[in-house]
PDB file of N, CA and C in Angstrom:
ATOM      1  N   MET A   1       3.005  13.613  17.946  1.00  0.00           N
ATOM      2  CA  MET A   1       2.599  13.904  18.504  1.00  0.00           C
ATOM      3  C   MET A   1       2.329  12.504  17.447  1.00  0.00           C
ATOM      4  N   ASN A   2       1.441  11.566  18.261  1.00  0.00           N
ATOM      5  CA  ASN A   2       0.723  10.615  16.839  1.00  0.00           C
ATOM      6  C   ASN A   2      -0.171   9.884  17.212  1.00  0.00           C
ATOM      7  N   GLY A   3      -0.570  10.464  16.144  1.00  0.00           N
ATOM      8  CA  GLY A   3      -2.712   9.799  16.355  1.00  0.00           C
ATOM      9  C   GLY A   3      -2.895  10.589  14.569  1.00  0.00           C
ATOM     10  N   THR A   4      -5.000  10.240  15.241  1.00  0.00           N
ATOM     11  CA  THR A   4      -5.420  10.318  13.804  1.00  0.00           C
ATOM     12  C   THR A   4      -5.147  12.544  13.092  1.00  0.00           C
ATOM     13  N   GLN A   5      -4.616  11.921  11.789  1.00  0.00           N
ATOM     14  CA  GLN A   5      -4.247  13.118  10.997  1.00  0.00           C
ATOM     15  C   GLN A   5      -3.056  14.262  11.705  1.00  0.00           C
ATOM     16  N   ASN A   6      -2.721  13.000  13.281  1.00  0.00           N
ATOM     17  CA  ASN A   6      -1.458  14.494  13.574  1.00  0.00           C
ATOM     18  C   ASN A   6      -2.445  14.846  14.829  1.00  0.00           C
ATOM     19  N   TRP A   7      -3.428  15.401  15.154  1.00  0.00           N
ATOM     20  CA  TRP A   7      -4.146  16.081  16.002  1.00  0.00           C
ATOM     21  C   TRP A   7      -4.379  15.396  17.228  1.00  0.00           C
ATOM     22  N   PHE A   8      -4.594  14.402  18.403  1.00  0.00           N
ATOM     23  CA  PHE A   8      -4.919  13.956  18.662  1.00  0.00           C
ATOM     24  C   PHE A   8      -4.285  12.372  19.254  1.00  0.00           C
ATOM     25  N   PRO A   9      -3.201  12.520  20.680  1.00  0.00           N
ATOM     26  CA  PRO A   9      -2.292  10.509  20.507  1.00  0.00           C
ATOM     27  C   PRO A   9      -4.030   9.805  20.328  1.00  0.00           C
ATOM     28  N   MET A  10      -3.147   8.644  20.290  1.00  0.00           N
ATOM     29  CA  MET A  10      -3.627   7.487  20.688  1.00  0.00           C
ATOM     30  C   MET A  10      -4.371   7.072  21.560  1.00  0.00           C
ATOM     31  N   GLU A  11      -3.903   7.985  22.972  1.00  0.00           N
ATOM     32  CA  GLU A  11      -4.502   7.434  23.913  1.00  0.00           C
ATOM     33  C   GLU A  11      -6.159   8.265  23.562  1.00  0.00           C
ATOM     34  N   TRP A  12      -5.970   9.037  23.892  1.00  0.00           N
ATOM     35  CA  TRP A  12      -7.096   9.994  24.162  1.00  0.00           C
ATOM     36  C   TRP A  12      -8.586   9.369  22.485  1.00  0.00           C
ATOM     37  N   MET A  13      -7.890   9.396  21.411  1.00  0.00           N
ATOM     38  CA  MET A  13      -9.188   8.765  20.664  1.00  0.00           C
ATOM     39  C   MET A  13      -9.416   7.356  21.453  1.00  0.00           C
ATOM     40  N   GLN A  14      -8.704   6.645  21.809  1.00  0.00           N
ATOM     41  CA  GLN A  14      -9.455   5.546  23.142  1.00  0.00           C
ATOM     42  C   GLN A  14      -9.866   5.575  23.925  1.00  0.00           C
ATOM     43  N   TRP A  15      -9.946   7.066  24.759  1.00  0.00           N
ATOM     44  CA  TRP A  15     -10.384   6.998  25.594  1.00  0.00           C
ATOM     45  C   TRP A  15     -11.724   7.856  25.077  1.00  0.00           C
ATOM     46  N   ALA A  16     -12.410   8.731  24.415  1.00  0.00           N
ATOM     47  CA  ALA A  16     -12.698   8.793  23.826  1.00  0.00           C
ATOM     48  C   ALA A  16     -14.120   8.377  23.486  1.00  0.00           C
ATOM     49  N   ILE A  17     -13.410   7.202  22.416  1.00  0.00           N
ATOM     50  CA  ILE A  17     -14.703   5.786  22.072  1.00  0.00           C
ATOM     51  C   ILE A  17     -15.402   5.327  22.992  1.00  0.00           C
ATOM     52  N   CYS A  18     -13.736   4.998  24.258  1.00  0.00           N
ATOM     53  CA  CYS A  18     -14.384   4.432  25.087  1.00  0.00           C
ATOM     54  C   CYS A  18     -16.325   4.826  25.761  1.00  0.00           C
ATOM     55  N   HIS A  19     -16.055   6.741  26.184  1.00  0.00           N
ATOM     56  CA  HIS A  19     -16.609   7.150  26.503  1.00  0.00           C
ATOM     57  C   HIS A  19     -17.636   7.418  25.819  1.00  0.00           C
ATOM     58  N   LEU A  20     -17.398   8.237  25.121  1.00  0.00           N
ATOM     59  CA  LEU A  20     -18.767   7.450  24.398  1.00  0.00           C
ATOM     60  C   LEU A  20     -20.031   6.432  23.987  1.00  0.00           C
ATOM     61  N   GLU A  21     -19.010   5.167  24.759  1.00  0.00           N
ATOM     62  CA  GLU A  21     -20.117   3.740  24.335  1.00  0.00           C
ATOM     63  C   GLU A  21     -20.117   4.258  25.834  1.00  0.00           C
ATOM     64  N   TYR A  22     -20.053   4.674  26.709  1.00  0.00           N
ATOM     65  CA  TYR A  22     -20.249   4.518  28.469  1.00  0.00           C
ATOM     66  C   TYR A  22     -21.520   5.476  27.900  1.00  0.00           C
ATOM     67  N   MET A  23     -21.892   6.971  26.979  1.00  0.00           N
ATOM     68  CA  MET A  23     -22.355   8.007  27.151  1.00  0.00           C
ATOM     69  C   MET A  23     -23.912   7.044  26.432  1.00  0.00           C
ATOM     70  N   GLN A  24     -23.719   6.355  24.737  1.00  0.00           N
ATOM     71  CA  GLN A  24     -24.508   6.148  24.574  1.00  0.00           C
ATOM     72  C   GLN A  24     -25.197   4.337  24.615  1.00  0.00           C
ATOM     73  N   THR A  25     -24.113   3.465  26.384  1.00  0.00           N
ATOM     74  CA  THR A  25     -25.290   2.949  27.059  1.00  0.00           C
ATOM     75  C   THR A  25     -25.703   3.380  28.548  1.00  0.00           C
ATOM     76  N   SER A  26     -25.678   4.151  28.207  1.00  0.00           N
ATOM     77  CA  SER A  26     -25.873   5.266  30.183  1.00  0.00           C
ATOM     78  C   SER A  26     -27.503   5.350  29.675  1.00  0.00           C
ATOM     79  N   PHE A  27     -27.304   5.784  27.982  1.00  0.00           N
ATOM     80  CA  PHE A  27     -28.565   6.876  27.784  1.00  0.00           C
ATOM     81  C   PHE A  27     -29.990   5.691  26.811  1.00  0.00           C
ATOM     82  N   GLY A  28     -29.601   4.840  26.753  1.00  0.00           N
ATOM     83  CA  GLY A  28     -30.207   3.706  25.957  1.00  0.00           C
ATOM     84  C   GLY A  28     -29.880   3.637  24.042  1.00  0.00           C
ATOM     85  N   HIS A  29     -29.040   4.302  23.424  1.00  0.00           N
ATOM     86  CA  HIS A  29     -29.103   4.446  22.058  1.00  0.00           C
ATOM     87  C   HIS A  29     -29.008   2.048  21.919  1.00  0.00           C
ATOM     88  N   PRO A  30     -30.155   2.873  21.224  1.00  0.00           N
ATOM     89  CA  PRO A  30     -30.946   1.028  20.927  1.00  0.00           C
ATOM     90  C   PRO A  30     -28.884   0.138  19.853  1.00  0.00           C
ATOM     91  N   ASP A  31     -29.086   0.938  19.455  1.00  0.00           N
ATOM     92  CA  ASP A  31     -27.022   0.240  18.691  1.00  0.00           C
ATOM     93  C   ASP A  31     -25.475   0.835  19.486  1.00  0.00           C
ATOM     94  N   PRO A  32     -25.040   0.684  20.962  1.00  0.00           N
ATOM     95  CA  PRO A  32     -24.237   1.706  21.059  1.00  0.00           C
ATOM     96  C   PRO A  32     -22.584   0.673  20.057  1.00  0.00           C
ATOM     97  N   ILE A  33     -21.748   1.953  20.524  1.00  0.00           N
ATOM     98  CA  ILE A  33     -20.533   1.310  19.400  1.00  0.00           C
ATOM     99  C   ILE A  33     -20.313   0.739  20.944  1.00  0.00           C
ATOM    100  N   LYS A  34     -18.890  -0.618  20.228  1.00  0.00           N
ATOM    101  CA  LYS A  34     -18.181  -2.210  21.214  1.00  0.00           C
ATOM    102  C   LYS A  34     -16.938  -0.612  21.063  1.00  0.00           C
ATOM    103  N   CYS A  35     -16.324  -0.503  22.246  1.00  0.00           N
ATOM    104  CA  CYS A  35     -15.414   0.720  22.720  1.00  0.00           C
ATOM    105  C   CYS A  35     -13.691  -0.264  22.620  1.00  0.00           C
ATOM    106  N   GLU A  36     -14.095  -2.013  22.659  1.00  0.00           N
ATOM    107  CA  GLU A  36     -12.878  -3.407  22.786  1.00  0.00           C
ATOM    108  C   GLU A  36     -12.999  -3.357  21.726  1.00  0.00           C
ATOM    109  N   GLY A  37     -11.406  -3.064  20.899  1.00  0.00           N
ATOM    110  CA  GLY A  37     -11.209  -4.084  19.293  1.00  0.00           C
ATOM    111  C   GLY A  37     -12.291  -2.729  17.967  1.00  0.00           C
ATOM    112  N   PHE A  38     -12.218  -1.351  18.353  1.00  0.00           N
ATOM    113  CA  PHE A  38     -13.225  -1.203  17.957  1.00  0.00           C
ATOM    114  C   PHE A  38     -11.294   0.378  17.443  1.00  0.00           C
ATOM    115  N   PRO A  39     -11.430  -0.232  16.015  1.00  0.00           N
ATOM    116  CA  PRO A  39     -10.159   0.116  15.250  1.00  0.00           C
ATOM    117  C   PRO A  39      -9.602   1.760  14.664  1.00  0.00           C
ATOM    118  N   TYR A  40      -9.379   1.944  15.949  1.00  0.00           N
ATOM    119  CA  TYR A  40      -9.304   3.997  15.966  1.00  0.00           C
ATOM    120  C   TYR A  40      -8.072   4.106  15.547  1.00  0.00           C
ATOM    121  N   ASP A  41      -7.840   3.487  15.116  1.00  0.00           N
ATOM    122  CA  ASP A  41      -5.723   3.593  15.646  1.00  0.00           C
ATOM    123  C   ASP A  41      -5.485   3.050  14.162  1.00  0.00           C
ATOM    124  N   LYS A  42      -5.823   2.656  13.354  1.00  0.00           N
ATOM    125  CA  LYS A  42      -6.009   2.095  11.756  1.00  0.00           C
ATOM    126  C   LYS A  42      -6.261   3.356  10.843  1.00  0.00           C
ATOM    127  N   ARG A  43      -5.957   3.169   9.460  1.00  0.00           N
ATOM    128  CA  ARG A  43      -5.210   4.274   8.675  1.00  0.00           C
ATOM    129  C   ARG A  43      -6.574   3.818   8.206  1.00  0.00           C
ATOM    130  N   GLN A  44      -7.415   4.977   6.666  1.00  0.00           N
ATOM    131  CA  GLN A  44      -8.587   5.444   6.664  1.00  0.00           C
ATOM    132  C   GLN A  44      -7.578   4.003   5.433  1.00  0.00           C
ATOM    133  N   CYS A  45      -9.304   4.110   4.065  1.00  0.00           N
ATOM    134  CA  CYS A  45      -8.608   2.520   2.724  1.00  0.00           C
ATOM    135  C   CYS A  45      -7.667   4.355   2.304  1.00  0.00           C
ATOM    136  N   ASP A  46      -8.998   5.398   2.247  1.00  0.00           N
ATOM    137  CA  ASP A  46      -8.914   6.148   0.856  1.00  0.00           C
ATOM    138  C   ASP A  46      -6.937   5.706   0.921  1.00  0.00           C
ATOM    139  N   GLU A  47      -5.804   6.057   1.737  1.00  0.00           N
ATOM    140  CA  GLU A  47      -4.937   6.175   1.703  1.00  0.00           C
ATOM    141  C   GLU A  47      -3.739   5.386   0.617  1.00  0.00           C
ATOM    142  N   CYS A  48      -4.051   4.001   0.520  1.00  0.00           N
ATOM    143  CA  CYS A  48      -3.843   3.243   0.050  1.00  0.00           C
ATOM    144  C   CYS A  48      -3.431   3.514  -1.060  1.00  0.00           C
ATOM    145  N   GLU A  49      -5.054   3.509  -1.928  1.00  0.00           N
ATOM    146  CA  GLU A  49      -4.947   3.612  -3.681  1.00  0.00           C
ATOM    147  C   GLU A  49      -3.619   4.864  -3.810  1.00  0.00           C
ATOM    148  N   PRO A  50      -3.531   6.323  -3.951  1.00  0.00           N
ATOM    149  CA  PRO A  50      -2.815   6.942  -4.270  1.00  0.00           C
ATOM    150  C   PRO A  50      -1.504   6.440  -3.037  1.00  0.00           C
ATOM    151  N   THR A  51      -1.217   5.923  -1.948  1.00  0.00           N
ATOM    152  CA  THR A  51       0.396   5.449  -2.361  1.00  0.00           C
ATOM    153  C   THR A  51       0.801   4.915  -2.885  1.00  0.00           C
ATOM    154  N   LEU A  52       0.004   3.321  -3.525  1.00  0.00           N
ATOM    155  CA  LEU A  52       0.191   2.643  -4.609  1.00  0.00           C
ATOM    156  C   LEU A  52       0.262   3.490  -6.095  1.00  0.00           C
ATOM    157  N   VAL A  53      -0.316   3.955  -6.226  1.00  0.00           N
ATOM    158  CA  VAL A  53       0.447   4.596  -7.354  1.00  0.00           C
ATOM    159  C   VAL A  53       1.627   5.819  -7.301  1.00  0.00           C
ATOM    160  N   ASP A  54       1.544   6.073  -6.271  1.00  0.00           N
ATOM    161  CA  ASP A  54       2.472   7.242  -5.648  1.00  0.00           C
ATOM    162  C   ASP A  54       3.894   6.202  -6.104  1.00  0.00           C
ATOM    163  N   CYS A  55       3.515   5.249  -4.727  1.00  0.00           N
ATOM    164  CA  CYS A  55       5.455   3.407  -5.339  1.00  0.00           C
ATOM    165  C   CYS A  55       5.268   3.302  -6.731  1.00  0.00           C
ATOM    166  N   ILE A  56       4.648   3.066  -7.463  1.00  0.00           N
ATOM    167  CA  ILE A  56       4.788   2.959  -8.659  1.00  0.00           C
ATOM    168  C   ILE A  56       5.249   3.608  -9.302  1.00  0.00           C
ATOM    169  N   ALA A  57       5.076   4.690  -9.455  1.00  0.00           N
ATOM    170  CA  ALA A  57       5.901   5.863 -10.489  1.00  0.00           C
ATOM    171  C   ALA A  57       7.810   5.886  -9.850  1.00  0.00           C
ATOM    172  N   ASN A  58       7.502   6.107  -8.808  1.00  0.00           N
ATOM    173  CA  ASN A  58       8.670   5.784  -8.024  1.00  0.00           C
ATOM    174  C   ASN A  58       9.256   4.924  -8.745  1.00  0.00           C
ATOM    175  N   CYS A  59       9.155   3.889  -8.716  1.00  0.00           N
ATOM    176  CA  CYS A  59      10.064   1.906  -9.437  1.00  0.00           C
ATOM    177  C   CYS A  59      10.585   2.179 -10.326  1.00  0.00           C
ATOM    178  N   GLY A  60      10.105   2.734 -11.930  1.00  0.00           N
ATOM    179  CA  GLY A  60      11.149   2.659 -12.553  1.00  0.00           C
ATOM    180  C   GLY A  60      10.892   1.593 -13.500  1.00  0.00           C
ATOM    181  N   ASP A  61      11.498   0.528 -13.406  1.00  0.00           N
ATOM    182  CA  ASP A  61      11.349  -0.463 -13.945  1.00  0.00           C
ATOM    183  C   ASP A  61      11.154  -2.112 -13.943  1.00  0.00           C
ATOM    184  N   ASP A  62      12.270  -1.279 -12.444  1.00  0.00           N
ATOM    185  CA  ASP A  62      12.364  -2.742 -11.938  1.00  0.00           C
ATOM    186  C   ASP A  62      10.781  -3.574 -10.383  1.00  0.00           C
ATOM    187  N   PRO A  63      11.465  -5.060 -11.000  1.00  0.00           N
ATOM    188  CA  PRO A  63      10.030  -5.806 -10.694  1.00  0.00           C
ATOM    189  C   PRO A  63      10.226  -5.577  -9.222  1.00  0.00           C
ATOM    190  N   SER A  64      10.947  -6.193  -8.917  1.00  0.00           N
ATOM    191  CA  SER A  64      10.935  -6.391  -7.248  1.00  0.00           C
ATOM    192  C   SER A  64      10.645  -5.064  -6.980  1.00  0.00           C
ATOM    193  N   CYS A  65      10.911  -4.103  -7.489  1.00  0.00           N
ATOM    194  CA  CYS A  65      10.530  -2.915  -6.636  1.00  0.00           C
ATOM    195  C   CYS A  65       8.754  -2.736  -6.889  1.00  0.00           C
ATOM    196  N   ILE A  66       8.581  -2.801  -7.680  1.00  0.00           N
ATOM    197  CA  ILE A  66       6.542  -3.114  -8.426  1.00  0.00           C
ATOM    198  C   ILE A  66       5.921  -3.942  -7.241  1.00  0.00           C
ATOM    199  N   SER A  67       6.749  -5.227  -6.900  1.00  0.00           N
ATOM    200  CA  SER A  67       5.803  -6.577  -6.193  1.00  0.00           C
ATOM    201  C   SER A  67       6.140  -5.824  -5.021  1.00  0.00           C
ATOM    202  N   ASN A  68       7.572  -5.114  -4.210  1.00  0.00           N
ATOM    203  CA  ASN A  68       6.677  -4.732  -2.766  1.00  0.00           C
ATOM    204  C   ASN A  68       6.309  -2.393  -3.129  1.00  0.00           C
ATOM    205  N   CYS A  69       5.372  -2.509  -3.376  1.00  0.00           N
ATOM    206  CA  CYS A  69       4.282  -2.079  -3.716  1.00  0.00           C
ATOM    207  C   CYS A  69       3.251  -2.481  -3.567  1.00  0.00           C
ATOM    208  N   ASN A  70       2.615  -3.654  -4.772  1.00  0.00           N
ATOM    209  CA  ASN A  70       1.749  -3.795  -4.377  1.00  0.00           C
ATOM    210  C   ASN A  70       1.573  -5.473  -3.081  1.00  0.00           C
ATOM    211  N   ARG A  71       2.294  -5.068  -2.426  1.00  0.00           N
ATOM    212  CA  ARG A  71       2.938  -5.625  -0.981  1.00  0.00           C
ATOM    213  C   ARG A  71       2.329  -4.960  -0.214  1.00  0.00           C
ATOM    214  N   ASP A  72       2.873  -3.865   0.081  1.00  0.00           N
ATOM    215  CA  ASP A  72       2.479  -3.232   0.833  1.00  0.00           C
ATOM    216  C   ASP A  72       0.409  -2.535   0.578  1.00  0.00           C
ATOM    217  N   PHE A  73       0.969  -2.330  -0.667  1.00  0.00           N
ATOM    218  CA  PHE A  73      -0.839  -2.431  -0.706  1.00  0.00           C
ATOM    219  C   PHE A  73      -2.163  -2.999   0.403  1.00  0.00           C
ATOM    220  N   ALA A  74      -1.421  -4.379   0.249  1.00  0.00           N
ATOM    221  CA  ALA A  74      -2.232  -5.370   0.548  1.00  0.00           C
ATOM    222  C   ALA A  74      -2.238  -5.292   1.383  1.00  0.00           C
ATOM    223  N   ASP A  75      -1.657  -4.704   2.010  1.00  0.00           N
ATOM    224  CA  ASP A  75      -0.691  -4.420   3.895  1.00  0.00           C
ATOM    225  C   ASP A  75      -1.635  -3.670   4.012  1.00  0.00           C
ATOM    226  N   CYS A  76      -1.084  -2.990   3.674  1.00  0.00           N
ATOM    227  CA  CYS A  76      -2.864  -0.861   3.805  1.00  0.00           C
ATOM    228  C   CYS A  76      -3.797  -1.462   3.679  1.00  0.00           C
ATOM    229  N   MET A  77      -4.686  -2.596   2.872  1.00  0.00           N
ATOM    230  CA  MET A  77      -5.765  -2.572   2.487  1.00  0.00           C
ATOM    231  C   MET A  77      -6.069  -3.172   3.637  1.00  0.00           C
ATOM    232  N   ASP A  78      -5.840  -4.176   4.287  1.00  0.00           N
ATOM    233  CA  ASP A  78      -5.306  -4.903   5.837  1.00  0.00           C
ATOM    234  C   ASP A  78      -5.654  -4.708   6.149  1.00  0.00           C
ATOM    235  N   GLY A  79      -5.057  -3.663   6.651  1.00  0.00           N
ATOM    236  CA  GLY A  79      -5.251  -2.977   7.971  1.00  0.00           C
ATOM    237  C   GLY A  79      -6.120  -1.835   8.152  1.00  0.00           C
ATOM    238  N   CYS A  80      -6.915  -1.294   6.804  1.00  0.00           N
ATOM    239  CA  CYS A  80      -8.027  -0.945   7.356  1.00  0.00           C
ATOM    240  C   CYS A  80      -9.131  -1.085   7.214  1.00  0.00           C
ATOM    241  N   GLN A  81      -9.899  -2.199   7.659  1.00  0.00           N
ATOM    242  CA  GLN A  81     -10.931  -2.785   7.564  1.00  0.00           C
ATOM    243  C   GLN A  81     -11.653  -3.483   8.396  1.00  0.00           C
TER     244      GLN A  81
END
């Protein structure tokens, strides 16, 4: 099963978010969420820094490894915002 925290498939998350938008719109919520484009499948930013620290700790003195860790960190931060 692939999903948020490995509990729910992404299709269920998308359905739930779209259904929430429908419910909020139906009941006149002043600022309903938008289902389309909602980042339900993006990683949380709080995972990025510990992953970076672990990666660098496993590199030793290899500068190319550290560079790859920094690149992965940047990708993680871009993917969660």
